PDB file of N, CA and C in Angstrom:
ATOM      1  N   MET A   1       3.458  -9.429   3.267  1.00  0.00           N
ATOM      2  CA  MET A   1       3.250  -8.120   3.847  1.00  0.00           C
ATOM      3  C   MET A   1       4.076  -8.021   5.133  1.00  0.00           C
ATOM      4  N   ARG A   2       4.840  -6.953   5.215  1.00  0.00           N
ATOM      5  CA  ARG A   2       5.626  -6.704   6.422  1.00  0.00           C
ATOM      6  C   ARG A   2       4.743  -6.037   7.469  1.00  0.00           C
ATOM      7  N   LEU A   3       4.926  -6.394   8.717  1.00  0.00           N
ATOM      8  CA  LEU A   3       4.148  -5.807   9.805  1.00  0.00           C
ATOM      9  C   LEU A   3       5.035  -4.997  10.749  1.00  0.00           C
ATOM     10  N   THR A   4       6.115  -4.452  10.227  1.00  0.00           N
ATOM     11  CA  THR A   4       7.016  -3.650  11.045  1.00  0.00           C
ATOM     12  C   THR A   4       6.489  -2.225  11.175  1.00  0.00           C
ATOM     13  N   ASN A   5       6.917  -1.534  12.209  1.00  0.00           N
ATOM     14  CA  ASN A   5       6.413  -0.191  12.513  1.00  0.00           C
ATOM     15  C   ASN A   5       6.599   0.807  11.377  1.00  0.00           C
ATOM     16  N   ASP A   6       7.612   0.620  10.547  1.00  0.00           N
ATOM     17  CA  ASP A   6       7.872   1.589   9.480  1.00  0.00           C
ATOM     18  C   ASP A   6       6.887   1.488   8.318  1.00  0.00           C
ATOM     19  N   CYS A   7       5.947   0.558   8.378  1.00  0.00           N
ATOM     20  CA  CYS A   7       4.935   0.394   7.325  1.00  0.00           C
ATOM     21  C   CYS A   7       3.649   1.154   7.607  1.00  0.00           C
ATOM     22  N   TYR A   8       3.543   1.757   8.786  1.00  0.00           N
ATOM     23  CA  TYR A   8       2.280   2.361   9.200  1.00  0.00           C
ATOM     24  C   TYR A   8       2.322   3.885   9.168  1.00  0.00           C
ATOM     25  N   LEU A   9       1.209   4.458   8.792  1.00  0.00           N
ATOM     26  CA  LEU A   9       0.999   5.894   8.872  1.00  0.00           C
ATOM     27  C   LEU A   9      -0.148   6.121   9.840  1.00  0.00           C
ATOM     28  N   VAL A  10       0.120   6.872  10.901  1.00  0.00           N
ATOM     29  CA  VAL A  10      -0.882   7.180  11.907  1.00  0.00           C
ATOM     30  C   VAL A  10      -1.284   8.641  11.711  1.00  0.00           C
ATOM     31  N   THR A  11      -2.571   8.870  11.514  1.00  0.00           N
ATOM     32  CA  THR A  11      -3.096  10.222  11.324  1.00  0.00           C
ATOM     33  C   THR A  11      -4.015  10.544  12.488  1.00  0.00           C
ATOM     34  N   LEU A  12      -3.724  11.630  13.174  1.00  0.00           N
ATOM     35  CA  LEU A  12      -4.507  12.066  14.330  1.00  0.00           C
ATOM     36  C   LEU A  12      -5.241  13.347  13.956  1.00  0.00           C
ATOM     37  N   HIS A  13      -6.552  13.310  14.017  1.00  0.00           N
ATOM     38  CA  HIS A  13      -7.395  14.480  13.712  1.00  0.00           C
ATOM     39  C   HIS A  13      -7.856  15.075  15.041  1.00  0.00           C
ATOM     40  N   ALA A  14      -7.529  16.331  15.266  1.00  0.00           N
ATOM     41  CA  ALA A  14      -7.917  17.010  16.505  1.00  0.00           C
ATOM     42  C   ALA A  14      -8.473  18.382  16.148  1.00  0.00           C
ATOM     43  N   GLY A  15      -9.782  18.532  16.226  1.00  0.00           N
ATOM     44  CA  GLY A  15     -10.388  19.808  15.843  1.00  0.00           C
ATOM     45  C   GLY A  15     -10.121  20.084  14.376  1.00  0.00           C
ATOM     46  N   ASN A  16      -9.495  21.221  14.091  1.00  0.00           N
ATOM     47  CA  ASN A  16      -9.162  21.578  12.709  1.00  0.00           C
ATOM     48  C   ASN A  16      -7.778  21.104  12.296  1.00  0.00           C
ATOM     49  N   GLY A  17      -7.036  20.495  13.211  1.00  0.00           N
ATOM     50  CA  GLY A  17      -5.663  20.101  12.923  1.00  0.00           C
ATOM     51  C   GLY A  17      -5.510  18.629  12.591  1.00  0.00           C
ATOM     52  N   VAL A  18      -4.445  18.328  11.867  1.00  0.00           N
ATOM     53  CA  VAL A  18      -4.094  16.957  11.517  1.00  0.00           C
ATOM     54  C   VAL A  18      -2.619  16.764  11.821  1.00  0.00           C
ATOM     55  N   GLU A  19      -2.305  15.719  12.579  1.00  0.00           N
ATOM     56  CA  GLU A  19      -0.914  15.377  12.875  1.00  0.00           C
ATOM     57  C   GLU A  19      -0.630  14.003  12.303  1.00  0.00           C
ATOM     58  N   TYR A  20       0.606  13.804  11.860  1.00  0.00           N
ATOM     59  CA  TYR A  20       1.029  12.516  11.332  1.00  0.00           C
ATOM     60  C   TYR A  20       2.117  11.949  12.227  1.00  0.00           C
ATOM     61  N   TYR A  21       2.060  10.649  12.437  1.00  0.00           N
ATOM     62  CA  TYR A  21       3.085   9.925  13.170  1.00  0.00           C
ATOM     63  C   TYR A  21       3.550   8.781  12.285  1.00  0.00           C
ATOM     64  N   TYR A  22       4.867   8.634  12.161  1.00  0.00           N
ATOM     65  CA  TYR A  22       5.404   7.549  11.344  1.00  0.00           C
ATOM     66  C   TYR A  22       6.808   7.223  11.810  1.00  0.00           C
ATOM     67  N   ARG A  23       7.235   6.027  11.487  1.00  0.00           N
ATOM     68  CA  ARG A  23       8.559   5.553  11.861  1.00  0.00           C
ATOM     69  C   ARG A  23       9.513   5.896  10.725  1.00  0.00           C
ATOM     70  N   ASP A  24      10.636   6.527  11.059  1.00  0.00           N
ATOM     71  CA  ASP A  24      11.643   6.872  10.064  1.00  0.00           C
ATOM     72  C   ASP A  24      13.005   6.507  10.642  1.00  0.00           C
ATOM     73  N   GLY A  25      13.646   5.531  10.042  1.00  0.00           N
ATOM     74  CA  GLY A  25      14.925   5.091  10.582  1.00  0.00           C
ATOM     75  C   GLY A  25      14.731   4.387  11.912  1.00  0.00           C
ATOM     76  N   SER A  26      15.420   4.874  12.926  1.00  0.00           N
ATOM     77  CA  SER A  26      15.370   4.203  14.218  1.00  0.00           C
ATOM     78  C   SER A  26      14.388   4.821  15.198  1.00  0.00           C
ATOM     79  N   GLY A  27      13.615   5.825  14.768  1.00  0.00           N
ATOM     80  CA  GLY A  27      12.700   6.461  15.711  1.00  0.00           C
ATOM     81  C   GLY A  27      11.415   6.930  15.062  1.00  0.00           C
ATOM     82  N   TRP A  28      10.512   7.395  15.915  1.00  0.00           N
ATOM     83  CA  TRP A  28       9.230   7.930  15.469  1.00  0.00           C
ATOM     84  C   TRP A  28       9.348   9.416  15.191  1.00  0.00           C
ATOM     85  N   ILE A  29       8.581   9.887  14.237  1.00  0.00           N
ATOM     86  CA  ILE A  29       8.508  11.300  13.893  1.00  0.00           C
ATOM     87  C   ILE A  29       7.054  11.745  14.021  1.00  0.00           C
ATOM     88  N   LYS A  30       6.865  12.912  14.623  1.00  0.00           N
ATOM     89  CA  LYS A  30       5.546  13.542  14.666  1.00  0.00           C
ATOM     90  C   LYS A  30       5.622  14.765  13.768  1.00  0.00           C
ATOM     91  N   GLN A  31       4.710  14.852  12.798  1.00  0.00           N
ATOM     92  CA  GLN A  31       4.612  16.068  11.998  1.00  0.00           C
ATOM     93  C   GLN A  31       3.373  16.815  12.457  1.00  0.00           C
ATOM     94  N   SER A  32       3.574  18.040  12.912  1.00  0.00           N
ATOM     95  CA  SER A  32       2.486  18.840  13.464  1.00  0.00           C
ATOM     96  C   SER A  32       1.589  19.392  12.367  1.00  0.00           C
ATOM     97  N   THR A  33       0.490  19.980  12.787  1.00  0.00           N
ATOM     98  CA  THR A  33      -0.452  20.612  11.860  1.00  0.00           C
ATOM     99  C   THR A  33       0.241  21.677  11.021  1.00  0.00           C
ATOM    100  N   ARG A  34       1.209  22.349  11.597  1.00  0.00           N
ATOM    101  CA  ARG A  34       1.953  23.401  10.885  1.00  0.00           C
ATOM    102  C   ARG A  34       3.077  22.860  10.009  1.00  0.00           C
ATOM    103  N   GLY A  35       3.262  21.547  10.005  1.00  0.00           N
ATOM    104  CA  GLY A  35       4.284  20.949   9.159  1.00  0.00           C
ATOM    105  C   GLY A  35       5.635  20.777   9.830  1.00  0.00           C
ATOM    106  N   ARG A  36       5.744  21.160  11.096  1.00  0.00           N
ATOM    107  CA  ARG A  36       7.017  20.987  11.806  1.00  0.00           C
ATOM    108  C   ARG A  36       7.175  19.535  12.221  1.00  0.00           C
ATOM    109  N   LYS A  37       8.419  19.061  12.198  1.00  0.00           N
ATOM    110  CA  LYS A  37       8.707  17.672  12.546  1.00  0.00           C
ATOM    111  C   LYS A  37       9.449  17.601  13.860  1.00  0.00           C
ATOM    112  N   PHE A  38       9.063  16.626  14.671  1.00  0.00           N
ATOM    113  CA  PHE A  38       9.668  16.414  15.983  1.00  0.00           C
ATOM    114  C   PHE A  38       9.965  14.932  16.149  1.00  0.00           C
ATOM    115  N   LYS A  39      11.087  14.626  16.760  1.00  0.00           N
ATOM    116  CA  LYS A  39      11.350  13.240  17.139  1.00  0.00           C
ATOM    117  C   LYS A  39      10.439  12.898  18.304  1.00  0.00           C
ATOM    118  N   ALA A  40       9.975  11.662  18.336  1.00  0.00           N
ATOM    119  CA  ALA A  40       9.079  11.232  19.407  1.00  0.00           C
ATOM    120  C   ALA A  40       9.448   9.815  19.839  1.00  0.00           C
ATOM    121  N   THR A  41       9.312   9.568  21.125  1.00  0.00           N
ATOM    122  CA  THR A  41       9.515   8.210  21.616  1.00  0.00           C
ATOM    123  C   THR A  41       8.224   7.423  21.385  1.00  0.00           C
ATOM    124  N   ALA A  42       8.309   6.119  21.457  1.00  0.00           N
ATOM    125  CA  ALA A  42       7.113   5.287  21.308  1.00  0.00           C
ATOM    126  C   ALA A  42       6.100   5.626  22.394  1.00  0.00           C
ATOM    127  N   GLU A  43       6.566   5.932  23.586  1.00  0.00           N
ATOM    128  CA  GLU A  43       5.655   6.290  24.675  1.00  0.00           C
ATOM    129  C   GLU A  43       4.921   7.600  24.379  1.00  0.00           C
ATOM    130  N   GLN A  44       5.614   8.572  23.804  1.00  0.00           N
ATOM    131  CA  GLN A  44       4.962   9.833  23.445  1.00  0.00           C
ATOM    132  C   GLN A  44       3.888   9.612  22.377  1.00  0.00           C
ATOM    133  N   VAL A  45       4.186   8.784  21.393  1.00  0.00           N
ATOM    134  CA  VAL A  45       3.207   8.483  20.350  1.00  0.00           C
ATOM    135  C   VAL A  45       1.979   7.828  20.975  1.00  0.00           C
ATOM    136  N   LEU A  46       2.205   6.851  21.834  1.00  0.00           N
ATOM    137  CA  LEU A  46       1.100   6.167  22.491  1.00  0.00           C
ATOM    138  C   LEU A  46       0.278   7.119  23.353  1.00  0.00           C
ATOM    139  N   ASN A  47       0.929   8.031  24.065  1.00  0.00           N
ATOM    140  CA  ASN A  47       0.214   8.991  24.901  1.00  0.00           C
ATOM    141  C   ASN A  47      -0.677   9.918  24.083  1.00  0.00           C
ATOM    142  N   HIS A  48      -0.309  10.213  22.848  1.00  0.00           N
ATOM    143  CA  HIS A  48      -1.152  11.035  21.983  1.00  0.00           C
ATOM    144  C   HIS A  48      -2.315  10.229  21.399  1.00  0.00           C
ATOM    145  N   LEU A  49      -2.100   8.940  21.185  1.00  0.00           N
ATOM    146  CA  LEU A  49      -3.113   8.113  20.540  1.00  0.00           C
ATOM    147  C   LEU A  49      -4.165   7.550  21.485  1.00  0.00           C
ATOM    148  N   LEU A  50      -3.793   7.269  22.717  1.00  0.00           N
ATOM    149  CA  LEU A  50      -4.731   6.616  23.628  1.00  0.00           C
ATOM    150  C   LEU A  50      -6.031   7.387  23.858  1.00  0.00           C
ATOM    151  N   PRO A  51      -6.017   8.716  24.054  1.00  0.00           N
ATOM    152  CA  PRO A  51      -7.301   9.423  24.225  1.00  0.00           C
ATOM    153  C   PRO A  51      -8.225   9.269  23.010  1.00  0.00           C
ATOM    154  N   ALA A  52      -7.657   9.246  21.815  1.00  0.00           N
ATOM    155  CA  ALA A  52      -8.473   9.071  20.614  1.00  0.00           C
ATOM    156  C   ALA A  52      -9.017   7.648  20.531  1.00  0.00           C
ATOM    157  N   LEU A  53      -8.191   6.684  20.870  1.00  0.00           N
ATOM    158  CA  LEU A  53      -8.609   5.290  20.781  1.00  0.00           C
ATOM    159  C   LEU A  53      -9.674   4.934  21.806  1.00  0.00           C
ATOM    160  N   THR A  54      -9.633   5.563  22.973  1.00  0.00           N
ATOM    161  CA  THR A  54     -10.602   5.247  24.027  1.00  0.00           C
ATOM    162  C   THR A  54     -11.868   6.075  23.927  1.00  0.00           C
ATOM    163  N   GLY A  55     -11.848   7.152  23.148  1.00  0.00           N
ATOM    164  CA  GLY A  55     -13.014   7.994  23.020  1.00  0.00           C
ATOM    165  C   GLY A  55     -13.166   9.013  24.135  1.00  0.00           C
ATOM    166  N   ILE A  56     -12.136   9.167  24.971  1.00  0.00           N
ATOM    167  CA  ILE A  56     -12.190  10.127  26.073  1.00  0.00           C
ATOM    168  C   ILE A  56     -12.330  11.549  25.545  1.00  0.00           C
ATOM    169  N   LYS A  57     -11.645  11.836  24.454  1.00  0.00           N
ATOM    170  CA  LYS A  57     -11.750  13.151  23.821  1.00  0.00           C
ATOM    171  C   LYS A  57     -12.519  12.976  22.513  1.00  0.00           C
ATOM    172  N   PRO A  58     -13.817  13.308  22.510  1.00  0.00           N
ATOM    173  CA  PRO A  58     -14.630  13.053  21.314  1.00  0.00           C
ATOM    174  C   PRO A  58     -14.228  13.867  20.089  1.00  0.00           C
ATOM    175  N   THR A  59     -13.477  14.950  20.268  1.00  0.00           N
ATOM    176  CA  THR A  59     -13.054  15.752  19.121  1.00  0.00           C
ATOM    177  C   THR A  59     -11.761  15.246  18.495  1.00  0.00           C
ATOM    178  N   VAL A  60     -11.209  14.193  19.068  1.00  0.00           N
ATOM    179  CA  VAL A  60      -9.953  13.631  18.568  1.00  0.00           C
ATOM    180  C   VAL A  60     -10.232  12.237  18.005  1.00  0.00           C
ATOM    181  N   SER A  61      -9.760  12.004  16.782  1.00  0.00           N
ATOM    182  CA  SER A  61      -9.903  10.677  16.181  1.00  0.00           C
ATOM    183  C   SER A  61      -8.575  10.257  15.565  1.00  0.00           C
ATOM    184  N   VAL A  62      -8.427   8.976  15.370  1.00  0.00           N
ATOM    185  CA  VAL A  62      -7.176   8.442  14.831  1.00  0.00           C
ATOM    186  C   VAL A  62      -7.480   7.483  13.686  1.00  0.00           C
ATOM    187  N   ASN A  63      -6.584   7.487  12.702  1.00  0.00           N
ATOM    188  CA  ASN A  63      -6.677   6.582  11.573  1.00  0.00           C
ATOM    189  C   ASN A  63      -5.292   5.976  11.364  1.00  0.00           C
ATOM    190  N   VAL A  64      -5.227   4.653  11.257  1.00  0.00           N
ATOM    191  CA  VAL A  64      -3.956   3.972  11.036  1.00  0.00           C
ATOM    192  C   VAL A  64      -4.054   3.216   9.721  1.00  0.00           C
ATOM    193  N   GLU A  65      -3.091   3.458   8.834  1.00  0.00           N
ATOM    194  CA  GLU A  65      -3.075   2.799   7.530  1.00  0.00           C
ATOM    195  C   GLU A  65      -1.737   2.098   7.319  1.00  0.00           C
ATOM    196  N   HIS A  66      -1.770   1.006   6.592  1.00  0.00           N
ATOM    197  CA  HIS A  66      -0.569   0.250   6.257  1.00  0.00           C
ATOM    198  C   HIS A  66      -0.184   0.566   4.817  1.00  0.00           C
ATOM    199  N   ALA A  67       1.086   0.787   4.587  1.00  0.00           N
ATOM    200  CA  ALA A  67       1.567   1.183   3.261  1.00  0.00           C
ATOM    201  C   ALA A  67       1.300   0.123   2.193  1.00  0.00           C
ATOM    202  N   ASP A  68       1.243  -1.145   2.572  1.00  0.00           N
ATOM    203  CA  ASP A  68       1.016  -2.211   1.592  1.00  0.00           C
ATOM    204  C   ASP A  68      -0.454  -2.370   1.211  1.00  0.00           C
ATOM    205  N   THR A  69      -1.363  -1.845   2.020  1.00  0.00           N
ATOM    206  CA  THR A  69      -2.793  -2.012   1.730  1.00  0.00           C
ATOM    207  C   THR A  69      -3.463  -0.708   1.318  1.00  0.00           C
ATOM    208  N   SER A  70      -2.742   0.390   1.392  1.00  0.00           N
ATOM    209  CA  SER A  70      -3.309   1.685   1.024  1.00  0.00           C
ATOM    210  C   SER A  70      -2.295   2.463   0.180  1.00  0.00           C
ATOM    211  N   ALA A  71      -2.611   2.636  -1.082  1.00  0.00           N
ATOM    212  CA  ALA A  71      -1.719   3.396  -1.964  1.00  0.00           C
ATOM    213  C   ALA A  71      -1.576   4.830  -1.475  1.00  0.00           C
ATOM    214  N   ALA A  72      -2.649   5.389  -0.940  1.00  0.00           N
ATOM    215  CA  ALA A  72      -2.593   6.756  -0.425  1.00  0.00           C
ATOM    216  C   ALA A  72      -1.636   6.855   0.761  1.00  0.00           C
ATOM    217  N   ALA A  73      -1.666   5.868   1.643  1.00  0.00           N
ATOM    218  CA  ALA A  73      -0.745   5.863   2.796  1.00  0.00           C
ATOM    219  C   ALA A  73       0.695   5.708   2.332  1.00  0.00           C
ATOM    220  N   ALA A  74       0.926   4.858   1.350  1.00  0.00           N
ATOM    221  CA  ALA A  74       2.284   4.667   0.828  1.00  0.00           C
ATOM    222  C   ALA A  74       2.821   5.961   0.227  1.00  0.00           C
ATOM    223  N   ARG A  75       1.967   6.668  -0.539  1.00  0.00           N
ATOM    224  CA  ARG A  75       2.388   7.945  -1.134  1.00  0.00           C
ATOM    225  C   ARG A  75       2.672   8.979  -0.048  1.00  0.00           C
ATOM    226  N   MET A  76       1.797   9.052   0.957  1.00  0.00           N
ATOM    227  CA  MET A  76       1.982  10.033   2.022  1.00  0.00           C
ATOM    228  C   MET A  76       3.240   9.741   2.824  1.00  0.00           C
ATOM    229  N   LEU A  77       3.491   8.482   3.128  1.00  0.00           N
ATOM    230  CA  LEU A  77       4.723   8.129   3.844  1.00  0.00           C
ATOM    231  C   LEU A  77       5.953   8.535   3.044  1.00  0.00           C
ATOM    232  N   ALA A  78       5.957   8.261   1.753  1.00  0.00           N
ATOM    233  CA  ALA A  78       7.094   8.642   0.907  1.00  0.00           C
ATOM    234  C   ALA A  78       7.267  10.155   0.901  1.00  0.00           C
ATOM    235  N   LEU A  79       6.182  10.886   0.798  1.00  0.00           N
ATOM    236  CA  LEU A  79       6.235  12.346   0.790  1.00  0.00           C
ATOM    237  C   LEU A  79       6.749  12.889   2.120  1.00  0.00           C
ATOM    238  N   LEU A  80       6.246  12.356   3.221  1.00  0.00           N
ATOM    239  CA  LEU A  80       6.689  12.811   4.543  1.00  0.00           C
ATOM    240  C   LEU A  80       8.175  12.520   4.763  1.00  0.00           C
ATOM    241  N   ARG A  81       8.618  11.369   4.316  1.00  0.00           N
ATOM    242  CA  ARG A  81      10.015  10.983   4.533  1.00  0.00           C
ATOM    243  C   ARG A  81      10.986  11.769   3.668  1.00  0.00           C
ATOM    244  N   GLU A  82      10.574  12.182   2.483  1.00  0.00           N
ATOM    245  CA  GLU A  82      11.509  12.906   1.616  1.00  0.00           C
ATOM    246  C   GLU A  82      11.572  14.396   1.941  1.00  0.00           C
ATOM    247  N   SER A  83      10.550  14.941   2.560  1.00  0.00           N
ATOM    248  CA  SER A  83      10.604  16.354   2.945  1.00  0.00           C
ATOM    249  C   SER A  83      11.387  16.463   4.249  1.00  0.00           C
ATOM    250  N   THR A  84      12.359  17.345   4.262  1.00  0.00           N
ATOM    251  CA  THR A  84      13.206  17.503   5.438  1.00  0.00           C
ATOM    252  C   THR A  84      13.156  18.925   5.926  1.00  0.00           C
ATOM    253  N   ASP A  85      13.342  19.082   7.238  1.00  0.00           N
ATOM    254  CA  ASP A  85      13.405  20.438   7.840  1.00  0.00           C
ATOM    255  C   ASP A  85      14.832  20.923   7.874  1.00  0.00           C
TER     256      ASP A  85
END
């Protein structure tokens, strides 16, 4: 099992919205609730995840899945990577 950043799918649930964060090529991508994609630095990804991980914002939660251990995560990563803006 590879433990590189490109194997993970990070899902952030905030209220009624869902955002996805994943590694594509040499950088991180954030897909917004509306489906728009933005390049993100590792620091930006971490800044979005820390409030959910610490519980500071109770309406925000995070789920991290590995493509090798979750077929659903592997399918979602493939789908996110093949759709382009």
